[in-house]
Protein backbone atom coordinates (compact mmCIF):
# COMPACT_ATOMS: atom_id res chain seq x y z
CA UNK A 1 0.00 0.00 0.00
CA UNK A 2 2.84 2.42 0.83
CA UNK A 3 4.41 1.72 -2.54
CA UNK A 4 1.16 2.55 -4.35
CA UNK A 5 0.79 5.82 -2.41
CA UNK A 6 4.40 6.76 -3.17
CA UNK A 7 3.88 5.92 -6.84
CA UNK A 8 0.76 8.10 -6.97
CA UNK A 9 2.61 11.03 -5.37
CA UNK A 10 5.62 10.71 -7.68
CA UNK A 11 3.55 10.44 -10.85
CA UNK A 12 1.34 13.38 -9.84
CA UNK A 13 -1.74 11.24 -10.40
CA UNK A 14 -4.63 11.02 -8.05
CA UNK A 15 -8.24 11.89 -7.52
CA UNK A 16 -9.33 15.53 -7.12
CA UNK A 17 -8.41 16.84 -3.69
CA UNK A 18 -5.25 14.75 -3.51
CA UNK A 19 -1.99 16.06 -2.04
CA UNK A 20 -0.48 17.88 -5.05
CA UNK A 21 -3.58 19.84 -6.02
CA UNK A 22 -3.41 23.61 -5.70
CA UNK A 23 0.39 23.78 -5.52
CA UNK A 24 1.76 25.98 -8.31
CA UNK A 25 4.02 24.03 -10.65
CA UNK A 26 7.21 25.64 -11.99
CA UNK A 27 7.74 25.02 -15.68
CA UNK A 28 11.25 24.94 -17.08
CA UNK A 29 11.76 25.30 -20.80
CA UNK A 30 14.87 25.13 -22.93
CA UNK A 31 15.33 25.58 -26.65
CA UNK A 32 18.09 24.39 -28.92
CA UNK A 33 20.46 26.97 -30.39
CA UNK A 34 19.69 28.54 -33.73
CA UNK A 35 22.71 28.28 -36.04
CA UNK A 36 23.47 30.69 -38.86
CA UNK A 37 24.87 29.55 -42.23
CA UNK A 38 28.52 29.73 -41.11
CA UNK A 39 27.83 27.73 -37.97
CA UNK A 40 25.94 25.08 -39.96
CA UNK A 41 28.08 24.66 -43.07
CA UNK A 42 31.58 26.14 -42.75
CA UNK A 43 34.48 23.75 -42.23
CA UNK A 44 36.21 26.36 -40.05
CA UNK A 45 35.51 27.23 -36.43
CA UNK A 46 33.31 30.37 -36.27
CA UNK A 47 35.20 33.33 -34.81
CA UNK A 48 32.89 33.73 -31.79
CA UNK A 49 33.56 30.12 -30.70
CA UNK A 50 37.34 30.06 -31.19
CA UNK A 51 38.17 31.18 -27.66
CA UNK A 52 36.13 28.34 -26.16
CA UNK A 53 37.65 25.92 -28.69
CA UNK A 54 41.26 26.83 -27.87
CA UNK A 55 40.50 26.44 -24.15
CA UNK A 56 39.03 23.00 -24.83
CA UNK A 57 42.05 22.01 -26.92
CA UNK A 58 44.55 23.22 -24.31
CA UNK A 59 42.62 21.28 -21.66
CA UNK A 60 42.70 18.09 -23.71
CA UNK A 61 46.42 18.43 -24.46
CA UNK A 62 47.13 19.04 -20.77
CA UNK A 63 44.90 16.14 -19.69
CA UNK A 64 46.52 13.67 -22.08
CA UNK A 65 50.06 14.78 -21.16
CA UNK A 66 49.49 14.65 -17.41
CA UNK A 67 47.79 11.26 -17.60
CA UNK A 68 50.69 9.83 -19.59
CA UNK A 69 53.32 11.34 -17.29
CA UNK A 70 51.69 9.90 -14.19
CA UNK A 71 51.83 6.42 -15.72
CA UNK A 72 55.61 6.69 -16.26
CA UNK A 73 58.09 4.80 -14.09
CA UNK A 74 59.34 6.78 -11.10
CA UNK A 75 63.01 6.56 -12.15
CA UNK A 76 62.45 9.16 -14.89
CA UNK A 77 63.16 12.84 -14.28
CA UNK A 78 59.93 14.06 -12.67
CA UNK A 79 57.68 12.34 -15.18
CA UNK A 80 59.33 13.83 -18.26
CA UNK A 81 58.34 12.17 -21.52
CA UNK A 82 60.67 11.42 -24.40
CA UNK A 83 60.19 13.33 -27.66
CA UNK A 84 58.50 10.37 -29.35
CA UNK A 85 56.17 9.92 -26.35
CA UNK A 86 54.97 13.52 -26.12
CA UNK A 87 54.64 13.72 -29.91
CA UNK A 88 52.37 10.65 -29.82
CA UNK A 89 50.39 11.99 -26.86
CA UNK A 90 49.76 15.37 -28.48
CA UNK A 91 48.76 13.69 -31.75
CA UNK A 92 46.32 11.43 -29.87
CA UNK A 93 44.86 14.40 -28.00
CA UNK A 94 44.03 16.01 -31.35
CA UNK A 95 42.85 12.82 -33.06
CA UNK A 96 40.26 11.89 -30.44
CA UNK A 97 36.55 11.82 -31.25
CA UNK A 98 35.66 15.13 -29.47
CA UNK A 99 32.22 13.57 -28.81
CA UNK A 100 31.92 15.08 -25.33
CA UNK A 101 31.67 18.61 -26.71
CA UNK A 102 28.79 20.55 -28.13
CA UNK A 103 27.40 24.05 -28.45
CA UNK A 104 24.59 25.52 -26.44
CA UNK A 105 22.97 28.92 -26.32
CA UNK A 106 22.30 30.70 -23.03
CA UNK A 107 20.91 34.24 -23.02
CA UNK A 108 21.38 34.42 -26.80
CA UNK A 109 25.12 33.67 -26.53
CA UNK A 110 26.49 30.49 -28.10
CA UNK A 111 29.23 28.73 -26.15
CA UNK A 112 30.94 25.37 -26.18
CA UNK A 113 30.04 22.98 -23.41
CA UNK A 114 32.01 19.99 -22.13
CA UNK A 115 35.02 18.94 -20.07
CA UNK A 116 37.57 21.67 -19.41
CA UNK A 117 35.37 24.62 -20.34
CA UNK A 118 33.78 26.95 -17.83
CA UNK A 119 30.13 26.15 -17.31
CA UNK A 120 27.70 28.94 -18.13
CA UNK A 121 24.64 29.47 -16.00
CA UNK A 122 21.17 28.74 -17.26
CA UNK A 123 19.26 25.92 -18.83
CA UNK A 124 19.71 25.09 -22.47
CA UNK A 125 19.92 22.29 -25.00
CA UNK A 126 23.38 21.25 -26.10
CA UNK A 127 23.90 20.28 -29.74
CA UNK A 128 26.81 17.89 -30.15
CA UNK A 129 28.08 16.00 -33.14
CA UNK A 130 27.54 17.59 -36.54
CA UNK A 131 30.40 19.85 -37.59
CA UNK A 132 31.79 20.49 -34.07
CA UNK A 133 34.07 17.44 -33.62
CA UNK A 134 35.62 17.97 -37.06
CA UNK A 135 36.23 21.64 -36.37
CA UNK A 136 37.91 20.89 -33.02
CA UNK A 137 40.01 18.17 -34.72
CA UNK A 138 41.11 20.55 -37.45
CA UNK A 139 41.84 23.44 -35.08
CA UNK A 140 43.87 21.19 -32.78
CA UNK A 141 45.97 19.90 -35.68
CA UNK A 142 46.49 23.47 -36.87
CA UNK A 143 47.99 24.25 -33.44
CA UNK A 144 50.31 21.24 -33.74
CA UNK A 145 51.49 22.56 -37.11
CA UNK A 146 51.78 26.18 -35.99
CA UNK A 147 53.61 25.66 -32.69
CA UNK A 148 55.05 22.17 -32.99
CA UNK A 149 55.04 19.43 -30.40
CA UNK A 150 58.38 20.57 -28.88
CA UNK A 151 57.13 24.07 -28.05
CA UNK A 152 53.78 22.79 -26.79
CA UNK A 153 55.46 20.28 -24.48
CA UNK A 154 57.97 22.85 -23.26
CA UNK A 155 55.14 25.26 -22.38
CA UNK A 156 53.27 22.48 -20.61
CA UNK A 157 56.37 21.49 -18.58
CA UNK A 158 57.01 25.10 -17.59
CA UNK A 159 53.52 26.13 -16.57
CA UNK A 160 50.99 23.33 -17.02
CA UNK A 161 47.55 23.97 -18.40
CA UNK A 162 47.70 27.75 -17.93
CA UNK A 163 50.87 28.02 -19.99
CA UNK A 164 49.38 25.91 -22.79
CA UNK A 165 46.24 28.01 -22.75
CA UNK A 166 48.22 31.27 -22.86
CA UNK A 167 50.19 30.02 -25.86
CA UNK A 168 47.23 28.66 -27.82
CA UNK A 169 44.68 31.33 -26.94
CA UNK A 170 46.74 34.53 -26.92
CA UNK A 171 45.49 35.66 -30.35
CA UNK A 172 42.00 34.21 -29.97
CA UNK A 173 40.68 35.10 -26.51
CA UNK A 174 40.22 38.44 -24.82
CA UNK A 175 42.92 38.94 -22.18
CA UNK A 176 40.41 38.56 -19.34
CA UNK A 177 39.46 35.03 -20.42
CA UNK A 178 42.99 33.56 -20.36
CA UNK A 179 44.15 32.46 -16.90
CA UNK A 180 47.24 34.36 -15.75
CA UNK A 181 47.49 36.32 -19.01
CA UNK A 182 47.68 39.77 -17.37
CA UNK A 183 50.50 38.75 -15.00
CA UNK A 184 52.28 36.93 -17.83
CA UNK A 185 52.22 40.00 -20.09
CA UNK A 186 53.48 42.26 -17.29
CA UNK A 187 56.32 39.82 -16.58
CA UNK A 188 57.27 39.73 -20.28
CA UNK A 189 57.33 43.53 -20.54
C-alpha atoms as a PDB file:
ATOM      1  CA  UNK A   1       0.000   0.000   0.000  1.00  0.00           C
ATOM      2  CA  UNK A   2       2.840   2.423   0.833  1.00  0.00           C
ATOM      3  CA  UNK A   3       4.412   1.717  -2.544  1.00  0.00           C
ATOM      4  CA  UNK A   4       1.158   2.545  -4.347  1.00  0.00           C
ATOM      5  CA  UNK A   5       0.789   5.823  -2.414  1.00  0.00           C
ATOM      6  CA  UNK A   6       4.400   6.763  -3.168  1.00  0.00           C
ATOM      7  CA  UNK A   7       3.885   5.923  -6.835  1.00  0.00           C
ATOM      8  CA  UNK A   8       0.760   8.099  -6.974  1.00  0.00           C
ATOM      9  CA  UNK A   9       2.606  11.031  -5.370  1.00  0.00           C
ATOM     10  CA  UNK A  10       5.618  10.711  -7.677  1.00  0.00           C
ATOM     11  CA  UNK A  11       3.551  10.442 -10.845  1.00  0.00           C
ATOM     12  CA  UNK A  12       1.345  13.380  -9.836  1.00  0.00           C
ATOM     13  CA  UNK A  13      -1.735  11.245 -10.404  1.00  0.00           C
ATOM     14  CA  UNK A  14      -4.633  11.019  -8.049  1.00  0.00           C
ATOM     15  CA  UNK A  15      -8.241  11.890  -7.521  1.00  0.00           C
ATOM     16  CA  UNK A  16      -9.330  15.532  -7.117  1.00  0.00           C
ATOM     17  CA  UNK A  17      -8.414  16.837  -3.694  1.00  0.00           C
ATOM     18  CA  UNK A  18      -5.248  14.750  -3.511  1.00  0.00           C
ATOM     19  CA  UNK A  19      -1.986  16.055  -2.036  1.00  0.00           C
ATOM     20  CA  UNK A  20      -0.481  17.881  -5.047  1.00  0.00           C
ATOM     21  CA  UNK A  21      -3.581  19.836  -6.018  1.00  0.00           C
ATOM     22  CA  UNK A  22      -3.414  23.613  -5.698  1.00  0.00           C
ATOM     23  CA  UNK A  23       0.393  23.778  -5.516  1.00  0.00           C
ATOM     24  CA  UNK A  24       1.764  25.979  -8.305  1.00  0.00           C
ATOM     25  CA  UNK A  25       4.024  24.035 -10.649  1.00  0.00           C
ATOM     26  CA  UNK A  26       7.215  25.637 -11.986  1.00  0.00           C
ATOM     27  CA  UNK A  27       7.741  25.019 -15.682  1.00  0.00           C
ATOM     28  CA  UNK A  28      11.252  24.938 -17.076  1.00  0.00           C
ATOM     29  CA  UNK A  29      11.757  25.297 -20.805  1.00  0.00           C
ATOM     30  CA  UNK A  30      14.867  25.127 -22.934  1.00  0.00           C
ATOM     31  CA  UNK A  31      15.335  25.576 -26.645  1.00  0.00           C
ATOM     32  CA  UNK A  32      18.093  24.389 -28.918  1.00  0.00           C
ATOM     33  CA  UNK A  33      20.465  26.974 -30.387  1.00  0.00           C
ATOM     34  CA  UNK A  34      19.685  28.535 -33.734  1.00  0.00           C
ATOM     35  CA  UNK A  35      22.709  28.282 -36.040  1.00  0.00           C
ATOM     36  CA  UNK A  36      23.470  30.693 -38.864  1.00  0.00           C
ATOM     37  CA  UNK A  37      24.873  29.550 -42.225  1.00  0.00           C
ATOM     38  CA  UNK A  38      28.520  29.734 -41.113  1.00  0.00           C
ATOM     39  CA  UNK A  39      27.828  27.727 -37.973  1.00  0.00           C
ATOM     40  CA  UNK A  40      25.940  25.081 -39.961  1.00  0.00           C
ATOM     41  CA  UNK A  41      28.085  24.655 -43.066  1.00  0.00           C
ATOM     42  CA  UNK A  42      31.575  26.136 -42.747  1.00  0.00           C
ATOM     43  CA  UNK A  43      34.483  23.748 -42.234  1.00  0.00           C
ATOM     44  CA  UNK A  44      36.209  26.358 -40.048  1.00  0.00           C
ATOM     45  CA  UNK A  45      35.505  27.227 -36.433  1.00  0.00           C
ATOM     46  CA  UNK A  46      33.309  30.366 -36.268  1.00  0.00           C
ATOM     47  CA  UNK A  47      35.198  33.331 -34.808  1.00  0.00           C
ATOM     48  CA  UNK A  48      32.891  33.732 -31.791  1.00  0.00           C
ATOM     49  CA  UNK A  49      33.561  30.119 -30.696  1.00  0.00           C
ATOM     50  CA  UNK A  50      37.343  30.060 -31.195  1.00  0.00           C
ATOM     51  CA  UNK A  51      38.170  31.183 -27.659  1.00  0.00           C
ATOM     52  CA  UNK A  52      36.128  28.335 -26.165  1.00  0.00           C
ATOM     53  CA  UNK A  53      37.646  25.919 -28.689  1.00  0.00           C
ATOM     54  CA  UNK A  54      41.256  26.827 -27.870  1.00  0.00           C
ATOM     55  CA  UNK A  55      40.495  26.444 -24.150  1.00  0.00           C
ATOM     56  CA  UNK A  56      39.030  22.999 -24.828  1.00  0.00           C
ATOM     57  CA  UNK A  57      42.047  22.011 -26.920  1.00  0.00           C
ATOM     58  CA  UNK A  58      44.554  23.221 -24.311  1.00  0.00           C
ATOM     59  CA  UNK A  59      42.621  21.283 -21.660  1.00  0.00           C
ATOM     60  CA  UNK A  60      42.698  18.086 -23.714  1.00  0.00           C
ATOM     61  CA  UNK A  61      46.421  18.431 -24.463  1.00  0.00           C
ATOM     62  CA  UNK A  62      47.131  19.042 -20.773  1.00  0.00           C
ATOM     63  CA  UNK A  63      44.903  16.143 -19.687  1.00  0.00           C
ATOM     64  CA  UNK A  64      46.525  13.673 -22.082  1.00  0.00           C
ATOM     65  CA  UNK A  65      50.058  14.780 -21.159  1.00  0.00           C
ATOM     66  CA  UNK A  66      49.489  14.654 -17.407  1.00  0.00           C
ATOM     67  CA  UNK A  67      47.785  11.256 -17.596  1.00  0.00           C
ATOM     68  CA  UNK A  68      50.694   9.831 -19.590  1.00  0.00           C
ATOM     69  CA  UNK A  69      53.319  11.341 -17.294  1.00  0.00           C
ATOM     70  CA  UNK A  70      51.685   9.903 -14.186  1.00  0.00           C
ATOM     71  CA  UNK A  71      51.834   6.421 -15.719  1.00  0.00           C
ATOM     72  CA  UNK A  72      55.608   6.691 -16.263  1.00  0.00           C
ATOM     73  CA  UNK A  73      58.095   4.797 -14.090  1.00  0.00           C
ATOM     74  CA  UNK A  74      59.343   6.785 -11.104  1.00  0.00           C
ATOM     75  CA  UNK A  75      63.013   6.559 -12.154  1.00  0.00           C
ATOM     76  CA  UNK A  76      62.447   9.159 -14.888  1.00  0.00           C
ATOM     77  CA  UNK A  77      63.157  12.839 -14.278  1.00  0.00           C
ATOM     78  CA  UNK A  78      59.931  14.064 -12.665  1.00  0.00           C
ATOM     79  CA  UNK A  79      57.679  12.336 -15.179  1.00  0.00           C
ATOM     80  CA  UNK A  80      59.334  13.828 -18.263  1.00  0.00           C
ATOM     81  CA  UNK A  81      58.340  12.170 -21.518  1.00  0.00           C
ATOM     82  CA  UNK A  82      60.670  11.416 -24.402  1.00  0.00           C
ATOM     83  CA  UNK A  83      60.187  13.326 -27.663  1.00  0.00           C
ATOM     84  CA  UNK A  84      58.502  10.375 -29.345  1.00  0.00           C
ATOM     85  CA  UNK A  85      56.168   9.920 -26.352  1.00  0.00           C
ATOM     86  CA  UNK A  86      54.973  13.522 -26.122  1.00  0.00           C
ATOM     87  CA  UNK A  87      54.644  13.719 -29.906  1.00  0.00           C
ATOM     88  CA  UNK A  88      52.370  10.653 -29.824  1.00  0.00           C
ATOM     89  CA  UNK A  89      50.392  11.986 -26.860  1.00  0.00           C
ATOM     90  CA  UNK A  90      49.757  15.373 -28.482  1.00  0.00           C
ATOM     91  CA  UNK A  91      48.761  13.694 -31.747  1.00  0.00           C
ATOM     92  CA  UNK A  92      46.322  11.433 -29.867  1.00  0.00           C
ATOM     93  CA  UNK A  93      44.864  14.403 -27.998  1.00  0.00           C
ATOM     94  CA  UNK A  94      44.034  16.012 -31.346  1.00  0.00           C
ATOM     95  CA  UNK A  95      42.846  12.819 -33.055  1.00  0.00           C
ATOM     96  CA  UNK A  96      40.259  11.891 -30.442  1.00  0.00           C
ATOM     97  CA  UNK A  97      36.548  11.822 -31.247  1.00  0.00           C
ATOM     98  CA  UNK A  98      35.658  15.130 -29.468  1.00  0.00           C
ATOM     99  CA  UNK A  99      32.225  13.571 -28.808  1.00  0.00           C
ATOM    100  CA  UNK A 100      31.924  15.082 -25.327  1.00  0.00           C
ATOM    101  CA  UNK A 101      31.667  18.615 -26.707  1.00  0.00           C
ATOM    102  CA  UNK A 102      28.787  20.553 -28.131  1.00  0.00           C
ATOM    103  CA  UNK A 103      27.401  24.046 -28.454  1.00  0.00           C
ATOM    104  CA  UNK A 104      24.590  25.515 -26.440  1.00  0.00           C
ATOM    105  CA  UNK A 105      22.967  28.919 -26.319  1.00  0.00           C
ATOM    106  CA  UNK A 106      22.297  30.699 -23.028  1.00  0.00           C
ATOM    107  CA  UNK A 107      20.907  34.239 -23.018  1.00  0.00           C
ATOM    108  CA  UNK A 108      21.376  34.417 -26.797  1.00  0.00           C
ATOM    109  CA  UNK A 109      25.116  33.672 -26.529  1.00  0.00           C
ATOM    110  CA  UNK A 110      26.485  30.491 -28.099  1.00  0.00           C
ATOM    111  CA  UNK A 111      29.225  28.731 -26.151  1.00  0.00           C
ATOM    112  CA  UNK A 112      30.939  25.371 -26.182  1.00  0.00           C
ATOM    113  CA  UNK A 113      30.041  22.980 -23.405  1.00  0.00           C
ATOM    114  CA  UNK A 114      32.006  19.987 -22.133  1.00  0.00           C
ATOM    115  CA  UNK A 115      35.018  18.945 -20.070  1.00  0.00           C
ATOM    116  CA  UNK A 116      37.569  21.673 -19.411  1.00  0.00           C
ATOM    117  CA  UNK A 117      35.370  24.616 -20.343  1.00  0.00           C
ATOM    118  CA  UNK A 118      33.781  26.949 -17.827  1.00  0.00           C
ATOM    119  CA  UNK A 119      30.129  26.147 -17.312  1.00  0.00           C
ATOM    120  CA  UNK A 120      27.699  28.939 -18.133  1.00  0.00           C
ATOM    121  CA  UNK A 121      24.643  29.473 -15.997  1.00  0.00           C
ATOM    122  CA  UNK A 122      21.174  28.737 -17.264  1.00  0.00           C
ATOM    123  CA  UNK A 123      19.262  25.923 -18.831  1.00  0.00           C
ATOM    124  CA  UNK A 124      19.713  25.087 -22.467  1.00  0.00           C
ATOM    125  CA  UNK A 125      19.917  22.293 -24.995  1.00  0.00           C
ATOM    126  CA  UNK A 126      23.383  21.247 -26.096  1.00  0.00           C
ATOM    127  CA  UNK A 127      23.898  20.282 -29.742  1.00  0.00           C
ATOM    128  CA  UNK A 128      26.810  17.889 -30.145  1.00  0.00           C
ATOM    129  CA  UNK A 129      28.079  16.002 -33.145  1.00  0.00           C
ATOM    130  CA  UNK A 130      27.540  17.588 -36.541  1.00  0.00           C
ATOM    131  CA  UNK A 131      30.405  19.855 -37.588  1.00  0.00           C
ATOM    132  CA  UNK A 132      31.791  20.493 -34.067  1.00  0.00           C
ATOM    133  CA  UNK A 133      34.070  17.435 -33.619  1.00  0.00           C
ATOM    134  CA  UNK A 134      35.616  17.974 -37.065  1.00  0.00           C
ATOM    135  CA  UNK A 135      36.235  21.639 -36.367  1.00  0.00           C
ATOM    136  CA  UNK A 136      37.913  20.888 -33.024  1.00  0.00           C
ATOM    137  CA  UNK A 137      40.006  18.169 -34.724  1.00  0.00           C
ATOM    138  CA  UNK A 138      41.110  20.554 -37.454  1.00  0.00           C
ATOM    139  CA  UNK A 139      41.839  23.440 -35.079  1.00  0.00           C
ATOM    140  CA  UNK A 140      43.874  21.188 -32.780  1.00  0.00           C
ATOM    141  CA  UNK A 141      45.973  19.897 -35.679  1.00  0.00           C
ATOM    142  CA  UNK A 142      46.494  23.469 -36.872  1.00  0.00           C
ATOM    143  CA  UNK A 143      47.987  24.247 -33.442  1.00  0.00           C
ATOM    144  CA  UNK A 144      50.307  21.245 -33.742  1.00  0.00           C
ATOM    145  CA  UNK A 145      51.494  22.564 -37.106  1.00  0.00           C
ATOM    146  CA  UNK A 146      51.776  26.180 -35.986  1.00  0.00           C
ATOM    147  CA  UNK A 147      53.614  25.664 -32.693  1.00  0.00           C
ATOM    148  CA  UNK A 148      55.052  22.172 -32.991  1.00  0.00           C
ATOM    149  CA  UNK A 149      55.041  19.434 -30.397  1.00  0.00           C
ATOM    150  CA  UNK A 150      58.380  20.573 -28.883  1.00  0.00           C
ATOM    151  CA  UNK A 151      57.134  24.069 -28.051  1.00  0.00           C
ATOM    152  CA  UNK A 152      53.780  22.789 -26.787  1.00  0.00           C
ATOM    153  CA  UNK A 153      55.456  20.278 -24.476  1.00  0.00           C
ATOM    154  CA  UNK A 154      57.974  22.849 -23.263  1.00  0.00           C
ATOM    155  CA  UNK A 155      55.138  25.262 -22.383  1.00  0.00           C
ATOM    156  CA  UNK A 156      53.269  22.481 -20.607  1.00  0.00           C
ATOM    157  CA  UNK A 157      56.365  21.492 -18.582  1.00  0.00           C
ATOM    158  CA  UNK A 158      57.012  25.100 -17.585  1.00  0.00           C
ATOM    159  CA  UNK A 159      53.517  26.127 -16.573  1.00  0.00           C
ATOM    160  CA  UNK A 160      50.990  23.328 -17.025  1.00  0.00           C
ATOM    161  CA  UNK A 161      47.546  23.965 -18.403  1.00  0.00           C
ATOM    162  CA  UNK A 162      47.695  27.751 -17.925  1.00  0.00           C
ATOM    163  CA  UNK A 163      50.874  28.020 -19.994  1.00  0.00           C
ATOM    164  CA  UNK A 164      49.382  25.912 -22.790  1.00  0.00           C
ATOM    165  CA  UNK A 165      46.243  28.007 -22.746  1.00  0.00           C
ATOM    166  CA  UNK A 166      48.225  31.274 -22.861  1.00  0.00           C
ATOM    167  CA  UNK A 167      50.187  30.016 -25.857  1.00  0.00           C
ATOM    168  CA  UNK A 168      47.234  28.658 -27.816  1.00  0.00           C
ATOM    169  CA  UNK A 169      44.679  31.334 -26.945  1.00  0.00           C
ATOM    170  CA  UNK A 170      46.738  34.525 -26.918  1.00  0.00           C
ATOM    171  CA  UNK A 171      45.494  35.656 -30.350  1.00  0.00           C
ATOM    172  CA  UNK A 172      42.004  34.215 -29.966  1.00  0.00           C
ATOM    173  CA  UNK A 173      40.676  35.101 -26.514  1.00  0.00           C
ATOM    174  CA  UNK A 174      40.220  38.437 -24.816  1.00  0.00           C
ATOM    175  CA  UNK A 175      42.920  38.945 -22.181  1.00  0.00           C
ATOM    176  CA  UNK A 176      40.411  38.563 -19.341  1.00  0.00           C
ATOM    177  CA  UNK A 177      39.465  35.026 -20.421  1.00  0.00           C
ATOM    178  CA  UNK A 178      42.990  33.557 -20.362  1.00  0.00           C
ATOM    179  CA  UNK A 179      44.153  32.460 -16.903  1.00  0.00           C
ATOM    180  CA  UNK A 180      47.238  34.359 -15.750  1.00  0.00           C
ATOM    181  CA  UNK A 181      47.491  36.319 -19.006  1.00  0.00           C
ATOM    182  CA  UNK A 182      47.678  39.769 -17.367  1.00  0.00           C
ATOM    183  CA  UNK A 183      50.497  38.747 -15.001  1.00  0.00           C
ATOM    184  CA  UNK A 184      52.281  36.934 -17.829  1.00  0.00           C
ATOM    185  CA  UNK A 185      52.223  40.002 -20.086  1.00  0.00           C
ATOM    186  CA  UNK A 186      53.485  42.262 -17.289  1.00  0.00           C
ATOM    187  CA  UNK A 187      56.322  39.819 -16.580  1.00  0.00           C
ATOM    188  CA  UNK A 188      57.272  39.733 -20.278  1.00  0.00           C
ATOM    189  CA  UNK A 189      57.329  43.531 -20.541  1.00  0.00           C
END
